[in-house]
Protein backbone atom coordinates (compact mmCIF):
# COMPACT_ATOMS: atom_id res chain seq x y z
CA MET A 1 -18.27 -10.46 -66.54
CA PRO A 2 -20.24 -9.39 -63.05
CA ASN A 3 -19.90 -6.16 -61.44
CA PHE A 4 -21.55 -5.11 -58.54
CA ALA A 5 -21.77 -1.60 -57.38
CA TYR A 6 -21.31 -0.15 -53.61
CA GLY A 7 -22.00 3.43 -53.11
CA ASP A 8 -21.06 5.50 -56.10
CA VAL A 9 -17.96 2.92 -56.81
CA GLN A 10 -18.48 -0.19 -59.54
CA ILE A 11 -15.96 -2.98 -59.50
CA HIS A 12 -15.72 -5.93 -62.46
CA TYR A 13 -14.77 -9.17 -61.09
CA GLU A 14 -14.37 -12.72 -61.80
CA GLU A 15 -14.27 -16.06 -60.67
CA ALA A 16 -12.41 -19.59 -61.23
CA GLY A 17 -12.50 -22.53 -58.91
CA SER A 18 -13.78 -23.78 -55.92
CA GLY A 19 -12.67 -24.13 -52.28
CA PHE A 20 -11.35 -21.26 -49.71
CA PRO A 21 -11.26 -17.91 -51.02
CA LEU A 22 -8.39 -16.67 -52.39
CA LEU A 23 -8.08 -13.11 -53.92
CA VAL A 24 -5.60 -12.48 -56.05
CA THR A 25 -4.60 -9.65 -58.41
CA PRO A 26 -2.34 -8.75 -61.20
CA GLY A 27 0.19 -6.19 -61.80
CA GLY A 28 -0.02 -3.15 -64.08
CA GLY A 29 0.77 -0.23 -61.40
CA LEU A 30 -2.49 1.65 -61.59
CA ASN A 31 -3.91 -0.43 -64.29
CA SER A 32 -4.25 -3.19 -62.77
CA LEU A 33 -6.91 -5.37 -64.71
CA ALA A 34 -8.32 -8.94 -64.39
CA SER A 35 -7.74 -9.34 -68.48
CA ASN A 36 -3.64 -8.94 -67.63
CA TRP A 37 -2.94 -12.27 -66.09
CA PRO A 38 -1.94 -13.91 -69.51
CA GLY A 39 0.76 -11.47 -69.56
CA GLN A 40 1.72 -11.86 -66.06
CA VAL A 41 5.18 -14.10 -65.01
CA PHE A 42 2.58 -16.64 -64.01
CA ASN A 43 -1.00 -16.51 -64.42
CA ALA A 44 -2.55 -17.29 -60.49
CA MET A 45 -6.15 -17.71 -61.52
CA ASP A 46 -4.75 -20.85 -63.83
CA GLU A 47 -2.23 -22.15 -61.51
CA PHE A 48 -4.37 -22.24 -58.73
CA GLU A 49 -8.06 -22.59 -59.49
CA ASN A 50 -7.81 -26.32 -58.81
CA ASP A 51 -6.69 -25.86 -55.09
CA PHE A 52 -8.90 -22.01 -54.31
CA ARG A 53 -11.90 -20.49 -54.84
CA CYS A 54 -10.14 -17.61 -57.07
CA ILE A 55 -11.22 -14.21 -57.10
CA THR A 56 -9.88 -11.43 -59.56
CA MET A 57 -10.66 -7.45 -60.22
CA ASP A 58 -10.04 -4.46 -62.22
CA GLN A 59 -9.04 -2.05 -59.70
CA ARG A 60 -10.74 1.11 -59.46
CA ASN A 61 -10.33 3.25 -62.44
CA ALA A 62 -7.72 1.37 -64.13
CA ASN A 63 -7.42 2.42 -68.22
CA GLY A 64 -8.92 -0.43 -70.12
CA GLY A 65 -11.51 -1.69 -67.20
CA GLU A 66 -14.91 -1.57 -66.05
CA SER A 67 -14.08 -1.05 -62.82
CA LYS A 68 -14.49 2.89 -62.05
CA GLY A 69 -15.29 5.33 -59.58
CA PRO A 70 -14.13 8.53 -57.55
CA VAL A 71 -10.56 9.00 -57.95
CA PRO A 72 -9.53 8.85 -53.65
CA VAL A 73 -6.75 11.80 -53.15
CA ASP A 74 -7.49 12.07 -49.30
CA ASP A 75 -6.78 8.12 -48.54
CA PRO A 76 -5.65 6.23 -52.46
CA TRP A 77 -4.37 2.67 -50.41
CA GLY A 78 -7.35 2.82 -47.92
CA ALA A 79 -9.96 3.43 -51.20
CA PHE A 80 -8.11 0.30 -52.76
CA ALA A 81 -8.27 -2.05 -49.97
CA ASP A 82 -12.56 -0.78 -49.26
CA ASP A 83 -12.95 -1.89 -52.85
CA GLN A 84 -11.48 -5.26 -52.09
CA LEU A 85 -13.24 -5.93 -49.29
CA ALA A 86 -16.34 -4.55 -50.60
CA LEU A 87 -16.17 -7.32 -53.32
CA LEU A 88 -15.64 -10.04 -50.70
CA ASP A 89 -18.55 -8.62 -48.47
CA HIS A 90 -20.50 -8.80 -51.80
CA LEU A 91 -19.56 -12.55 -52.79
CA GLY A 92 -20.25 -13.55 -48.87
CA ILE A 93 -16.93 -14.27 -47.97
CA GLY A 94 -15.51 -13.29 -44.20
CA GLN A 95 -11.75 -14.85 -44.15
CA PHE A 96 -9.64 -15.42 -47.36
CA SER A 97 -6.46 -15.47 -48.50
CA PHE A 98 -4.49 -12.55 -50.86
CA MET A 99 -1.96 -12.76 -53.45
CA GLY A 100 -0.94 -9.43 -55.00
CA TYR A 101 1.42 -8.68 -57.97
CA CYS A 102 3.14 -5.71 -58.51
CA ILE A 103 1.35 -2.92 -56.77
CA GLY A 104 -0.24 -5.94 -54.95
CA GLY A 105 2.11 -6.21 -52.05
CA PRO A 106 1.45 -2.83 -51.07
CA PHE A 107 -2.51 -3.87 -51.17
CA ALA A 108 -1.47 -6.81 -49.41
CA LEU A 109 0.07 -4.78 -46.38
CA LYS A 110 -2.70 -2.54 -46.38
CA LEU A 111 -5.36 -5.29 -46.12
CA MET A 112 -3.49 -6.80 -43.28
CA GLU A 113 -3.86 -3.12 -41.92
CA ARG A 114 -7.15 -2.61 -42.87
CA ALA A 115 -8.78 -6.44 -42.06
CA PRO A 116 -6.02 -8.83 -39.90
CA GLU A 117 -9.16 -10.80 -38.74
CA ARG A 118 -10.15 -11.86 -42.26
CA ILE A 119 -6.97 -12.35 -44.35
CA VAL A 120 -5.18 -15.22 -43.03
CA ALA A 121 -2.11 -15.02 -45.42
CA GLY A 122 -0.33 -12.73 -48.03
CA ILE A 123 1.51 -13.30 -50.74
CA LEU A 124 3.30 -10.57 -52.04
CA CYS A 125 4.88 -10.91 -55.68
CA GLN A 126 7.35 -8.60 -57.36
CA PRO A 127 5.89 -5.78 -54.89
CA VAL A 128 6.81 -2.85 -55.40
CA GLY A 129 8.64 0.08 -52.94
CA HIS A 130 10.69 2.45 -52.91
CA ASN A 131 14.09 1.93 -55.49
CA PRO A 132 16.79 4.03 -54.19
CA ALA A 133 18.15 4.17 -57.81
CA PHE A 134 14.88 5.14 -59.09
CA PRO A 135 12.52 6.75 -56.50
CA ASP A 136 10.07 7.84 -58.47
CA SER A 137 9.26 5.17 -61.12
CA MET A 138 5.21 4.55 -59.98
CA TYR A 139 5.18 8.01 -59.67
CA ASP A 140 6.10 8.28 -63.34
CA SER A 141 4.66 5.24 -64.33
CA GLY A 142 0.96 7.21 -63.62
CA ARG A 143 1.84 10.04 -64.47
CA ASP A 144 2.74 9.18 -67.52
CA ILE A 145 0.52 6.35 -68.40
CA TRP A 146 -2.23 5.74 -66.15
CA ALA A 147 -3.19 10.04 -66.11
CA PRO A 148 -3.68 10.39 -69.57
CA GLY A 149 -5.47 7.41 -69.81
CA LEU A 150 -7.92 8.17 -67.72
CA LEU A 151 -8.11 11.80 -68.17
CA ALA A 152 -9.57 10.95 -72.09
CA LYS A 153 -12.31 8.91 -70.99
CA ARG A 154 -13.46 11.25 -67.56
CA SER A 155 -14.83 14.82 -68.24
CA ASP A 156 -15.09 14.71 -64.67
CA VAL A 157 -11.27 14.64 -63.75
CA THR A 158 -8.09 16.84 -63.65
CA MET A 159 -4.62 16.62 -64.30
CA GLU A 160 -4.69 18.30 -60.94
CA THR A 161 -6.78 15.86 -59.19
CA CYS A 162 -4.44 12.99 -60.63
CA MET A 163 -1.01 14.22 -59.28
CA ALA A 164 -2.55 15.08 -56.05
CA TYR A 165 -3.54 11.43 -55.85
CA LEU A 166 -0.46 10.29 -57.28
CA GLU A 167 1.18 12.33 -54.45
CA ASN A 168 -0.96 11.03 -51.70
CA LEU A 169 0.26 7.51 -53.07
CA TYR A 170 3.66 7.52 -53.66
CA ARG A 171 5.60 10.75 -51.94
CA VAL A 172 3.61 11.62 -48.69
CA ASN A 173 3.39 8.54 -46.66
CA ASN A 174 6.34 6.01 -46.50
CA PRO A 175 7.71 7.40 -49.39
CA ASP A 176 11.33 5.34 -48.91
CA PHE A 177 9.17 2.09 -47.84
CA VAL A 178 6.13 0.14 -49.40
CA TYR A 179 3.99 3.54 -49.72
CA SER A 180 0.81 1.58 -48.06
CA VAL A 181 1.75 1.29 -44.52
CA SER A 182 4.68 2.24 -42.84
CA ARG A 183 7.53 -0.15 -40.94
CA ASP A 184 5.82 -0.01 -37.42
CA PHE A 185 3.28 -1.56 -38.69
CA VAL A 186 4.57 -4.05 -40.61
CA SER A 187 7.31 -4.84 -37.66
CA SER A 188 4.15 -5.61 -35.66
CA CYS A 189 2.13 -7.15 -38.28
CA GLN A 190 0.80 -10.83 -37.14
CA THR A 191 -0.16 -11.85 -40.17
CA PRO A 192 1.66 -14.50 -42.45
CA MET A 193 3.06 -13.51 -45.47
CA LEU A 194 5.18 -15.15 -48.02
CA VAL A 195 7.68 -12.76 -50.02
CA MET A 196 9.00 -13.02 -53.77
CA PRO A 197 11.20 -10.30 -54.16
CA ASP A 198 12.16 -8.84 -57.46
CA ASN A 199 14.34 -6.06 -58.94
CA THR A 200 13.35 -3.76 -61.08
CA PRO A 201 13.14 0.07 -61.33
CA SER A 202 9.21 -0.41 -59.80
CA HIS A 203 9.56 -3.70 -57.94
CA SER A 204 12.18 -2.67 -55.68
CA TYR A 205 14.19 -5.81 -54.14
CA GLU A 206 15.40 -3.89 -50.94
CA ALA A 207 12.11 -2.74 -50.06
CA ALA A 208 11.45 -6.61 -50.35
CA ILE A 209 13.41 -7.56 -48.70
CA GLU A 210 13.27 -4.89 -45.77
CA VAL A 211 9.40 -6.85 -45.46
CA ALA A 212 10.52 -10.06 -45.13
CA GLU A 213 13.26 -9.09 -42.38
CA LEU A 214 10.57 -6.61 -40.42
CA ALA A 215 7.30 -9.09 -40.77
CA PRO A 216 7.14 -11.16 -37.57
CA LYS A 217 5.64 -13.70 -39.90
CA ALA A 218 7.21 -13.51 -42.98
CA GLU A 219 8.90 -16.00 -44.98
CA GLN A 220 10.80 -15.53 -48.40
CA THR A 221 11.24 -17.26 -51.89
CA VAL A 222 14.69 -17.74 -53.22
CA TYR A 223 15.70 -15.16 -55.41
CA PRO A 224 16.02 -15.05 -58.59
CA TRP A 225 12.73 -17.24 -58.83
CA LYS A 226 11.55 -16.07 -62.10
CA GLU A 227 14.42 -17.19 -64.71
CA ASP A 228 14.65 -20.60 -64.85
CA LYS A 229 11.97 -22.32 -65.21
CA ASP A 230 12.84 -25.25 -62.92
CA VAL A 231 12.86 -22.86 -60.49
CA MET A 232 10.43 -21.01 -60.97
CA ALA A 233 7.86 -24.44 -60.98
CA ALA A 234 9.41 -25.17 -58.04
CA THR A 235 8.27 -21.56 -56.33
CA ILE A 236 5.02 -21.71 -57.82
CA VAL A 237 4.84 -25.25 -55.70
CA GLN A 238 6.10 -23.00 -52.69
CA VAL A 239 3.26 -20.50 -52.73
CA ARG A 240 0.64 -23.04 -53.67
CA GLU A 241 1.67 -25.08 -50.45
CA TYR A 242 2.10 -21.84 -48.56
CA LEU A 243 -1.21 -21.20 -49.44
CA LEU A 244 -2.47 -24.81 -48.71
CA ALA A 245 -1.07 -24.65 -45.23
CA HIS A 246 -2.20 -21.74 -43.75
CA GLN A 247 -5.67 -21.86 -44.87
CA PRO A 248 -7.97 -22.49 -41.85
CA SER A 249 -9.53 -25.70 -41.31
CA ALA A 250 -13.61 -25.68 -42.00
CA SER A 251 -14.40 -25.82 -38.50
CA THR A 252 -12.64 -22.67 -37.44
CA ARG A 253 -14.29 -20.90 -40.91
C-alpha cells in the first residue's frame, strides 16, 4: 500500500494493470477512498486493468484513508488537482486519462483547466453538481459526515476551518454549476470528455447535461445506463472504447 509525500501532504495510492495511465477516483464525496471501489456502480480498477495502468488514491483528508495534509480553505479544488498531479509526477507519468466518479466529475474538469496538455480524455461518471431541488446536498454531507469524522482525529483542525472550506468548495465559486470550474471554461475546454449522467440529490442530472452540451468535445452516454445490467455492460464497453480511442500513440507520448 504505497504512500508518498510532497511538502506537508501525504498521499496513499494503489495501482493495477499496465498500459497507458488511467487515473480513476471513486465516489464518496470528500471521503473518496481507494477502498471504496467494491461499493461503486462498477469497479473501474477491475474493469480496466487489462487495458490500462490504473491508478487510484485516497483523496486528501478523506476519513478512513491515509492521505492527509492541511485543509486548503483558499483553493480547495485546486488543492485536489495539485495532489493528483503530484501523484502522477511521483510516478513519472506525463500524459494520462482520468475517470472520476461522483466528486470526480469536478476533479476531472479542474484537471482539464490546470493541466490541459497532460489529460488526454476525461470520463465524468455520475458527476456531482448543483441540483436545483437539493442545492446544498454536497455542502450538507460535508458538514454532517466529513467534518465530524475529520475533527475526531485531527486536533489541529477546527469546525470553523471545515465550514470555511465547505463554503469555498460549494457556495462561493460556480455554486449553480459544477463547483470546480466556470461555464466559460467548460465552453472553451478542448479536452475530449464522456459524460455519464445520473440523477440523485448530489449527482445532478441538470449539471451533467449542461456540461455535455457546453463542452465542444463532449459526448454523452445513454441515460439511464446503470439500472439495466445489459445497458450497463454496453456502457462500460463504450467507456473502454472511448478511452482506447483517445490515448495517444506510443510515438507521440
